[in-house]
Amino acid sequence: MTPNRWIVLAAVWLTLGLAYGLFFSFAIFFVPLVEEFRWSRGLTAGAFSLSTLVQGILSPVVGVLVDRVGPRRVILGGAVLLGGACLLASGIQTVWDLYLVTGVVMAAGVTAVGWVPSGALLAGWFSRHRGGVIGLAFSGMGAGVLVVGPLAQWLITRAGWRQAYLVLGIGTLVVLVPLLWLGIAEASRPGSSGETDGARVPEGKDVGIGTALRTRAFWGLFFAYFFTPLAVFPVFAHQVAYAVDAGFPRMFVAGIFGLMGLMSAVGRAAFGVVSDRMGRQAAATLSFGFTAGGTGALLLLEVSPHAGWLYAYAVLFGLGFGARGPIITAMASEIFAGRRFAAIYGILNLGNGLGAAIGPWFGGAVYDLTGSYRLAFLTAMALCAVAAACFWIVRRGALPEREEGAGMV
């Protein structure tokens, strides 16, 4: 592996870590927001749902922008939006402020630095062992949860949630923008210095948007993206509130949140490698087993409120959390290679946004109606099986016959 490619991989890893560490730290801010403003849990979690929906809606737009202007400008703009959103969040006064800042501005920033531009950038630089490489890069998200979550809780405990957002926003602008400027400024396009591993589109394989939309593979991945967050986010968005309700200290719960992030980093990297060796579908199915097992461990707190179940949750749920992202990205980049890959991948992410929009709200709404998360968590476990089944719909290479010029659609 040559130096430029190492720089690209490291820059993506750090960027995803900070960006998604901030995004997923909503679970940490959730409790003090509910306590200060006395909003219902469903209403408060709705801001997280809106954020994921906006990310899904903006993903095709970001994909088109990446295809047209390249990932560097898109990612740099996203970093500025992300830092600015944290600064604005420190001044939240109403639920509409929360929805606008978290649900729209921060969502736009995360989308512009996240899955779509990063996946397109990596797909352009790596063709061999792509699942392992993308898994390694995306493991930065888990590392971000490990660091940013406990850091946010520490800042909240010391200075309050407003100052915590302010510090995180300044840190994002000071750290992330220069990192991206230096890390991908000269290495944003494969072939700029002849340092790729042959990640080029084979002649005749330039898949267009219209062609992709007519395949079973596209819709299999789309619904895998849709059902996965439905199986994950009802649990993830409410994990801190659930554990605090069970009587565990907040800093301890933040540590469990961080441990889950650490295991997520391990899982993303490990399942990327596993998918290269045992197949994408089998690896995804195995990862859902860990997700369901972790959710089951969390449910056992209701009958046996011991810290051991939280540790079991952090390990099992963490190993599965985010593991499907590298797998889907690798599958999509192999099946839909071409100049329209970023746009196609962006449309796929719309499925993720729709599912993730429902998940957090569903968990909060179930709690508001029943006073318990039990039904939401059991439903999430069942949806693990549905999401896993979607991966088996996909068959590599099953593209329809294209008319001349269809690859440019």
Protein backbone atom coordinates (compact mmCIF):
# COMPACT_ATOMS: atom_id res chain seq x y z
CA MET A 1 0.00 0.00 0.00
CA THR A 2 1.47 3.31 -1.06
CA PRO A 3 1.67 6.48 1.07
CA ASN A 4 -1.11 8.40 -0.69
CA ARG A 5 -3.56 5.56 -0.16
CA TRP A 6 -2.61 5.37 3.52
CA ILE A 7 -3.32 9.10 3.82
CA VAL A 8 -6.74 8.70 2.20
CA LEU A 9 -7.63 5.77 4.44
CA ALA A 10 -6.44 7.55 7.61
CA ALA A 11 -8.28 10.77 6.72
CA VAL A 12 -11.53 8.89 6.09
CA TRP A 13 -11.14 6.92 9.34
CA LEU A 14 -10.63 10.04 11.46
CA THR A 15 -13.35 12.01 9.68
CA LEU A 16 -15.97 9.30 10.09
CA GLY A 17 -14.93 8.86 13.71
CA LEU A 18 -15.48 12.46 14.66
CA ALA A 19 -18.58 12.97 12.50
CA TYR A 20 -20.47 9.89 13.65
CA GLY A 21 -19.20 10.24 17.20
CA LEU A 22 -21.00 13.60 17.27
CA PHE A 23 -24.07 12.24 15.52
CA PHE A 24 -24.49 9.21 17.77
CA SER A 25 -23.76 11.24 20.92
CA PHE A 26 -27.39 12.35 20.65
CA ALA A 27 -28.11 9.36 22.91
CA ILE A 28 -25.95 11.07 25.59
CA PHE A 29 -27.60 14.49 25.17
CA PHE A 30 -31.06 12.87 25.09
CA VAL A 31 -31.35 12.53 28.89
CA PRO A 32 -30.44 16.13 29.89
CA LEU A 33 -32.64 17.51 27.10
CA VAL A 34 -35.66 15.55 28.38
CA GLU A 35 -34.91 16.59 31.97
CA GLU A 36 -34.53 20.31 31.22
CA PHE A 37 -37.38 20.82 28.77
CA ARG A 38 -39.77 18.06 29.97
CA TRP A 39 -40.49 17.01 26.40
CA SER A 40 -41.83 13.49 25.87
CA ARG A 41 -39.30 10.85 24.87
CA GLY A 42 -41.04 10.27 21.56
CA LEU A 43 -40.96 13.98 20.71
CA THR A 44 -37.32 14.36 21.72
CA ALA A 45 -36.20 11.22 19.89
CA GLY A 46 -38.07 12.53 16.86
CA ALA A 47 -35.19 14.97 16.27
CA PHE A 48 -32.86 12.00 15.79
CA SER A 49 -35.44 10.40 13.50
CA LEU A 50 -35.67 13.58 11.45
CA SER A 51 -31.89 13.69 11.23
CA THR A 52 -31.69 10.22 9.75
CA LEU A 53 -34.56 10.97 7.36
CA VAL A 54 -32.85 14.14 6.13
CA GLN A 55 -29.62 12.19 5.70
CA GLY A 56 -31.46 9.68 3.55
CA ILE A 57 -33.13 12.37 1.44
CA LEU A 58 -29.86 14.26 0.95
CA SER A 59 -27.78 11.17 0.16
CA PRO A 60 -28.74 11.05 -3.57
CA VAL A 61 -28.05 14.78 -3.82
CA VAL A 62 -24.64 14.34 -2.20
CA GLY A 63 -23.97 11.40 -4.53
CA VAL A 64 -24.65 13.55 -7.60
CA LEU A 65 -22.41 16.32 -6.20
CA VAL A 66 -19.60 13.84 -5.57
CA ASP A 67 -19.89 12.54 -9.15
CA ARG A 68 -19.72 16.10 -10.48
CA VAL A 69 -17.25 17.99 -8.26
CA GLY A 70 -15.41 15.19 -6.47
CA PRO A 71 -15.48 14.14 -2.81
CA ARG A 72 -13.01 16.72 -1.48
CA ARG A 73 -15.20 19.81 -1.79
CA VAL A 74 -18.28 17.96 -0.57
CA ILE A 75 -16.52 16.58 2.51
CA LEU A 76 -14.92 19.91 3.42
CA GLY A 77 -18.28 21.67 3.21
CA GLY A 78 -19.82 18.98 5.39
CA ALA A 79 -17.17 19.43 8.07
CA VAL A 80 -17.96 23.15 8.32
CA LEU A 81 -21.69 22.41 8.58
CA LEU A 82 -21.09 19.79 11.25
CA GLY A 83 -19.03 22.08 13.46
CA GLY A 84 -21.46 24.94 12.96
CA ALA A 85 -24.40 22.71 13.93
CA CYS A 86 -22.77 21.88 17.27
CA LEU A 87 -22.25 25.59 17.96
CA LEU A 88 -25.90 26.29 17.14
CA ALA A 89 -27.02 23.37 19.32
CA SER A 90 -25.58 25.10 22.38
CA GLY A 91 -28.32 27.73 22.02
CA ILE A 92 -31.35 25.42 21.70
CA GLN A 93 -34.42 26.85 23.47
CA THR A 94 -37.41 25.16 21.83
CA VAL A 95 -38.20 21.80 20.28
CA TRP A 96 -38.20 23.52 16.89
CA ASP A 97 -34.62 24.64 17.51
CA LEU A 98 -33.69 21.03 18.30
CA TYR A 99 -35.34 19.72 15.15
CA LEU A 100 -33.78 22.39 12.92
CA VAL A 101 -30.25 22.14 14.29
CA THR A 102 -30.01 18.41 14.95
CA GLY A 103 -32.50 17.22 12.39
CA VAL A 104 -31.47 19.40 9.45
CA VAL A 105 -28.16 21.27 9.79
CA MET A 106 -26.21 18.54 11.56
CA ALA A 107 -27.79 15.93 9.30
CA ALA A 108 -26.60 17.81 6.22
CA GLY A 109 -23.08 17.95 7.62
CA VAL A 110 -23.00 14.24 8.48
CA THR A 111 -24.30 13.31 5.02
CA ALA A 112 -21.67 15.42 3.28
CA VAL A 113 -18.79 13.75 5.14
CA GLY A 114 -20.36 10.33 5.61
CA TRP A 115 -21.16 7.07 3.88
CA VAL A 116 -21.65 8.33 0.33
CA PRO A 117 -18.58 10.52 -0.31
CA SER A 118 -16.35 8.30 1.83
CA GLY A 119 -17.58 5.13 0.14
CA ALA A 120 -17.07 6.65 -3.31
CA LEU A 121 -13.59 7.87 -2.37
CA LEU A 122 -12.52 4.46 -1.07
CA ALA A 123 -14.10 2.58 -3.98
CA GLY A 124 -12.00 4.70 -6.35
CA TRP A 125 -8.76 3.84 -4.55
CA PHE A 126 -9.25 0.18 -3.63
CA SER A 127 -10.49 -2.80 -5.59
CA ARG A 128 -8.81 -5.77 -3.90
CA HIS A 129 -10.05 -6.85 -0.45
CA ARG A 130 -12.54 -4.03 -0.63
CA GLY A 131 -14.74 -5.32 2.19
CA GLY A 132 -11.79 -5.37 4.59
CA VAL A 133 -10.55 -1.93 3.55
CA ILE A 134 -13.98 -0.30 3.82
CA GLY A 135 -14.59 -2.08 7.12
CA LEU A 136 -11.30 -0.73 8.46
CA ALA A 137 -12.14 2.81 7.35
CA PHE A 138 -15.68 2.63 8.72
CA SER A 139 -14.38 1.29 12.03
CA GLY A 140 -13.55 4.94 12.69
CA MET A 141 -17.26 5.42 13.42
CA GLY A 142 -17.05 3.00 16.33
CA ALA A 143 -13.89 4.65 17.59
CA GLY A 144 -15.71 7.98 17.46
CA VAL A 145 -18.54 6.62 19.61
CA LEU A 146 -15.92 5.27 22.04
CA VAL A 147 -14.29 8.69 22.44
CA VAL A 148 -16.97 11.30 21.80
CA GLY A 149 -19.76 9.67 23.85
CA PRO A 150 -17.92 9.54 27.21
CA LEU A 151 -16.29 12.90 26.43
CA ALA A 152 -19.73 14.45 25.89
CA GLN A 153 -20.99 12.98 29.17
CA TRP A 154 -17.92 14.27 31.02
CA LEU A 155 -18.43 17.74 29.57
CA ILE A 156 -22.15 17.65 30.44
CA THR A 157 -21.37 16.62 34.03
CA ARG A 158 -18.75 19.34 34.41
CA ALA A 159 -20.30 22.26 32.57
CA GLY A 160 -23.78 21.35 31.28
CA TRP A 161 -25.02 20.17 27.91
CA ARG A 162 -24.87 23.64 26.28
CA GLN A 163 -21.18 24.09 27.02
CA ALA A 164 -20.58 20.51 25.92
CA TYR A 165 -22.04 21.24 22.49
CA LEU A 166 -20.01 24.47 22.29
CA VAL A 167 -16.72 22.72 23.05
CA LEU A 168 -17.45 19.88 20.61
CA GLY A 169 -18.35 22.36 17.87
CA ILE A 170 -15.15 24.36 18.26
CA GLY A 171 -13.14 21.15 18.40
CA THR A 172 -14.73 19.93 15.16
CA LEU A 173 -13.85 23.10 13.27
CA VAL A 174 -10.32 23.27 14.67
CA VAL A 175 -9.49 19.59 14.12
CA LEU A 176 -11.59 18.26 11.25
CA VAL A 177 -11.36 21.04 8.66
CA PRO A 178 -7.51 21.22 8.65
CA LEU A 179 -7.32 17.42 8.73
CA LEU A 180 -9.46 17.12 5.63
CA TRP A 181 -7.70 19.94 3.85
CA LEU A 182 -4.33 18.29 4.34
CA GLY A 183 -5.45 14.66 4.23
CA ILE A 184 -7.39 14.60 0.98
CA ALA A 185 -6.30 17.80 -0.75
CA GLU A 186 -3.83 16.09 -3.08
CA ALA A 187 -5.11 12.54 -2.74
CA SER A 188 -8.78 13.05 -3.50
CA ARG A 189 -8.72 11.49 -6.93
CA PRO A 190 -7.30 8.05 -7.75
CA GLY A 191 -4.52 8.13 -10.23
CA SER A 192 -3.34 11.62 -9.30
CA SER A 193 0.07 10.12 -8.63
CA GLY A 194 -0.40 6.69 -10.11
CA GLU A 195 -0.92 5.15 -6.69
CA THR A 196 -3.99 2.91 -6.83
CA ASP A 197 -4.38 -0.85 -6.69
CA GLY A 198 -6.08 -0.98 -10.05
CA ALA A 199 -9.43 0.32 -8.87
CA ARG A 200 -10.70 1.21 -12.30
CA VAL A 201 -14.01 0.53 -14.00
CA PRO A 202 -13.72 -2.39 -16.43
CA GLU A 203 -14.77 -1.48 -19.94
CA GLY A 204 -18.44 -2.18 -20.49
CA LYS A 205 -19.19 -2.21 -16.77
CA ASP A 206 -20.12 1.46 -16.32
CA VAL A 207 -23.49 0.96 -14.65
CA GLY A 208 -25.99 3.80 -14.89
CA ILE A 209 -28.77 4.84 -12.52
CA GLY A 210 -31.58 3.54 -14.74
CA THR A 211 -29.86 0.20 -15.15
CA ALA A 212 -29.29 -0.11 -11.41
CA LEU A 213 -32.93 0.64 -10.56
CA ARG A 214 -34.05 -2.28 -12.73
CA THR A 215 -32.08 -4.86 -10.78
CA ARG A 216 -33.08 -7.17 -7.95
CA ALA A 217 -29.66 -6.47 -6.44
CA PHE A 218 -30.44 -2.76 -6.03
CA TRP A 219 -33.74 -3.36 -4.26
CA GLY A 220 -32.26 -6.10 -2.10
CA LEU A 221 -29.62 -3.66 -0.86
CA PHE A 222 -32.18 -0.86 -0.57
CA PHE A 223 -34.41 -2.87 1.75
CA ALA A 224 -31.42 -4.25 3.64
CA TYR A 225 -30.56 -0.61 4.30
CA PHE A 226 -34.20 0.09 5.25
CA PHE A 227 -34.71 -2.74 7.74
CA THR A 228 -31.26 -2.62 9.36
CA PRO A 229 -31.82 0.68 11.23
CA LEU A 230 -35.31 -0.48 12.17
CA ALA A 231 -33.57 -3.35 13.96
CA VAL A 232 -30.91 -1.10 15.50
CA PHE A 233 -32.05 2.45 16.23
CA PRO A 234 -35.04 1.74 18.52
CA VAL A 235 -32.40 0.27 20.83
CA PHE A 236 -29.45 2.56 20.14
CA ALA A 237 -31.27 5.88 20.54
CA HIS A 238 -32.76 4.85 23.91
CA GLN A 239 -29.97 2.74 25.41
CA VAL A 240 -28.73 5.45 27.77
CA ALA A 241 -32.22 6.39 28.99
CA TYR A 242 -33.09 2.69 29.44
CA ALA A 243 -29.99 1.99 31.55
CA VAL A 244 -30.43 5.18 33.62
CA ASP A 245 -34.06 4.20 34.25
CA ALA A 246 -32.74 0.85 35.52
CA GLY A 247 -30.76 2.72 38.18
CA PHE A 248 -27.22 2.76 36.79
CA PRO A 249 -25.03 5.89 37.25
CA ARG A 250 -24.82 8.10 34.19
CA MET A 251 -21.05 8.13 33.88
CA PHE A 252 -21.03 4.34 34.09
CA VAL A 253 -23.68 4.18 31.36
CA ALA A 254 -21.61 6.56 29.24
CA GLY A 255 -18.71 4.14 29.68
CA ILE A 256 -20.91 1.27 28.46
CA PHE A 257 -21.84 3.48 25.50
CA GLY A 258 -18.13 3.96 24.82
CA LEU A 259 -17.41 0.23 25.14
CA MET A 260 -20.16 -0.43 22.62
CA GLY A 261 -18.39 2.03 20.31
CA LEU A 262 -15.08 0.21 20.77
CA MET A 263 -16.69 -3.12 19.91
CA SER A 264 -18.34 -1.46 16.93
CA ALA A 265 -14.93 -0.43 15.63
CA VAL A 266 -13.75 -4.02 16.02
CA GLY A 267 -16.92 -5.38 14.41
CA ARG A 268 -16.84 -3.08 11.38
CA ALA A 269 -13.25 -4.00 10.60
CA ALA A 270 -13.67 -7.70 11.40
CA PHE A 271 -16.89 -8.22 9.46
CA GLY A 272 -15.40 -6.41 6.47
CA VAL A 273 -12.62 -9.01 6.40
CA VAL A 274 -15.04 -11.85 7.12
CA SER A 275 -17.23 -10.75 4.21
CA ASP A 276 -14.23 -10.98 1.88
CA ARG A 277 -13.60 -14.55 3.00
CA MET A 278 -16.96 -16.19 3.75
CA GLY A 279 -19.22 -14.06 1.57
CA ARG A 280 -21.14 -10.82 2.07
CA GLN A 281 -24.52 -12.41 2.83
CA ALA A 282 -23.20 -14.89 5.40
CA ALA A 283 -21.20 -12.18 7.17
CA ALA A 284 -24.23 -9.87 7.32
CA THR A 285 -26.42 -12.65 8.71
CA LEU A 286 -23.87 -13.46 11.41
CA SER A 287 -23.67 -9.78 12.38
CA PHE A 288 -27.44 -9.64 12.89
CA GLY A 289 -27.12 -12.54 15.30
CA PHE A 290 -24.84 -10.39 17.45
CA THR A 291 -27.27 -7.45 17.23
CA ALA A 292 -30.23 -9.55 18.34
CA GLY A 293 -28.18 -11.15 21.12
CA GLY A 294 -27.11 -7.77 22.44
CA THR A 295 -30.69 -6.49 22.46
CA GLY A 296 -31.75 -9.62 24.34
CA ALA A 297 -29.06 -8.99 26.96
CA LEU A 298 -30.37 -5.46 27.44
CA LEU A 299 -33.92 -6.75 27.92
CA LEU A 300 -32.73 -9.08 30.67
CA LEU A 301 -32.07 -6.02 32.86
CA GLU A 302 -35.82 -6.00 33.52
CA VAL A 303 -35.63 -9.33 35.35
CA SER A 304 -32.01 -9.23 36.52
CA PRO A 305 -30.66 -5.67 36.92
CA HIS A 306 -26.97 -6.56 37.02
CA ALA A 307 -24.15 -4.68 35.28
CA GLY A 308 -23.06 -7.89 33.58
CA TRP A 309 -25.99 -7.66 31.18
CA LEU A 310 -24.89 -4.16 30.16
CA TYR A 311 -21.40 -5.44 29.43
CA ALA A 312 -22.87 -8.30 27.41
CA TYR A 313 -25.01 -5.78 25.52
CA ALA A 314 -22.03 -3.54 24.78
CA VAL A 315 -19.96 -6.43 23.41
CA LEU A 316 -22.65 -8.22 21.38
CA PHE A 317 -24.62 -5.22 20.10
CA GLY A 318 -21.39 -3.31 19.52
CA LEU A 319 -19.89 -6.05 17.33
CA GLY A 320 -22.95 -5.93 15.10
CA PHE A 321 -23.50 -2.16 15.22
CA GLY A 322 -22.52 -0.69 11.87
CA ALA A 323 -21.11 -3.96 10.54
CA ARG A 324 -23.58 -3.95 7.65
CA GLY A 325 -22.41 -0.57 6.31
CA PRO A 326 -19.04 -1.80 4.98
CA ILE A 327 -20.70 -4.94 3.61
CA ILE A 328 -23.37 -3.01 1.70
CA THR A 329 -20.81 -0.48 0.46
CA ALA A 330 -18.53 -3.26 -0.83
CA MET A 331 -21.43 -5.06 -2.52
CA ALA A 332 -22.73 -1.89 -4.14
CA SER A 333 -19.29 -0.81 -5.39
CA GLU A 334 -18.76 -4.24 -6.97
CA ILE A 335 -22.18 -4.49 -8.61
CA PHE A 336 -22.74 -0.87 -9.63
CA ALA A 337 -19.24 0.21 -10.60
CA GLY A 338 -18.98 3.25 -12.83
CA ARG A 339 -19.14 7.00 -13.10
CA ARG A 340 -22.59 7.04 -11.49
CA PHE A 341 -21.65 4.92 -8.47
CA ALA A 342 -21.86 7.77 -5.94
CA ALA A 343 -25.35 8.73 -7.14
CA ILE A 344 -26.54 5.10 -7.07
CA TYR A 345 -25.05 4.63 -3.62
CA GLY A 346 -26.72 7.84 -2.51
CA ILE A 347 -30.11 6.52 -3.61
CA LEU A 348 -29.46 3.31 -1.69
CA ASN A 349 -28.82 5.41 1.41
CA LEU A 350 -32.30 6.83 1.07
CA GLY A 351 -33.52 3.44 2.31
CA ASN A 352 -31.27 3.76 5.34
CA GLY A 353 -32.59 7.24 6.06
CA LEU A 354 -36.22 6.14 5.91
CA GLY A 355 -35.68 3.17 8.22
CA ALA A 356 -33.53 5.14 10.64
CA ALA A 357 -36.15 7.89 10.78
CA ILE A 358 -38.77 5.46 12.05
CA GLY A 359 -36.55 3.59 14.53
CA PRO A 360 -35.78 6.20 17.25
CA TRP A 361 -39.29 7.66 17.13
CA PHE A 362 -40.80 4.16 17.38
CA GLY A 363 -38.80 3.36 20.51
CA GLY A 364 -39.84 6.61 22.18
CA ALA A 365 -43.48 6.31 21.12
CA VAL A 366 -43.72 2.76 22.50
CA TYR A 367 -42.28 3.97 25.81
CA ASP A 368 -44.68 6.92 25.97
CA LEU A 369 -47.66 4.58 25.37
CA THR A 370 -46.65 1.62 27.54
CA GLY A 371 -44.08 2.97 30.01
CA SER A 372 -41.63 0.33 28.80
CA TYR A 373 -39.21 -0.31 25.93
CA ARG A 374 -39.95 -4.07 25.95
CA LEU A 375 -42.18 -4.18 22.86
CA ALA A 376 -39.86 -1.90 20.87
CA PHE A 377 -36.82 -4.03 21.68
CA LEU A 378 -38.58 -7.32 20.89
CA THR A 379 -39.74 -5.89 17.56
CA ALA A 380 -36.18 -4.80 16.80
CA MET A 381 -34.94 -8.34 17.44
CA ALA A 382 -37.50 -9.77 15.00
CA LEU A 383 -36.51 -7.25 12.35
CA CYS A 384 -32.91 -8.53 12.50
CA ALA A 385 -34.13 -11.65 10.70
CA VAL A 386 -36.02 -9.60 8.10
CA ALA A 387 -32.99 -7.41 7.38
CA ALA A 388 -30.69 -10.43 7.10
CA ALA A 389 -33.05 -12.02 4.56
CA CYS A 390 -32.76 -8.95 2.32
CA PHE A 391 -29.05 -9.57 1.80
CA TRP A 392 -29.77 -12.99 0.30
CA ILE A 393 -31.91 -11.40 -2.42
CA VAL A 394 -28.77 -9.85 -3.89
CA ARG A 395 -26.89 -11.78 -6.54
CA ARG A 396 -23.72 -10.22 -7.90
CA GLY A 397 -23.65 -9.62 -11.62
CA ALA A 398 -27.42 -9.91 -12.09
CA LEU A 399 -27.70 -6.80 -14.25
CA PRO A 400 -30.28 -6.43 -17.01
CA GLU A 401 -29.27 -6.01 -20.60
CA ARG A 402 -28.54 -2.35 -21.25
CA GLU A 403 -29.19 -0.40 -24.31
CA GLU A 404 -26.33 1.53 -25.82
CA GLY A 405 -25.64 4.58 -23.66
CA ALA A 406 -27.68 3.28 -20.74
CA GLY A 407 -24.64 3.47 -18.52
CA MET A 408 -24.89 7.25 -18.63
CA VAL A 409 -28.45 7.41 -17.28
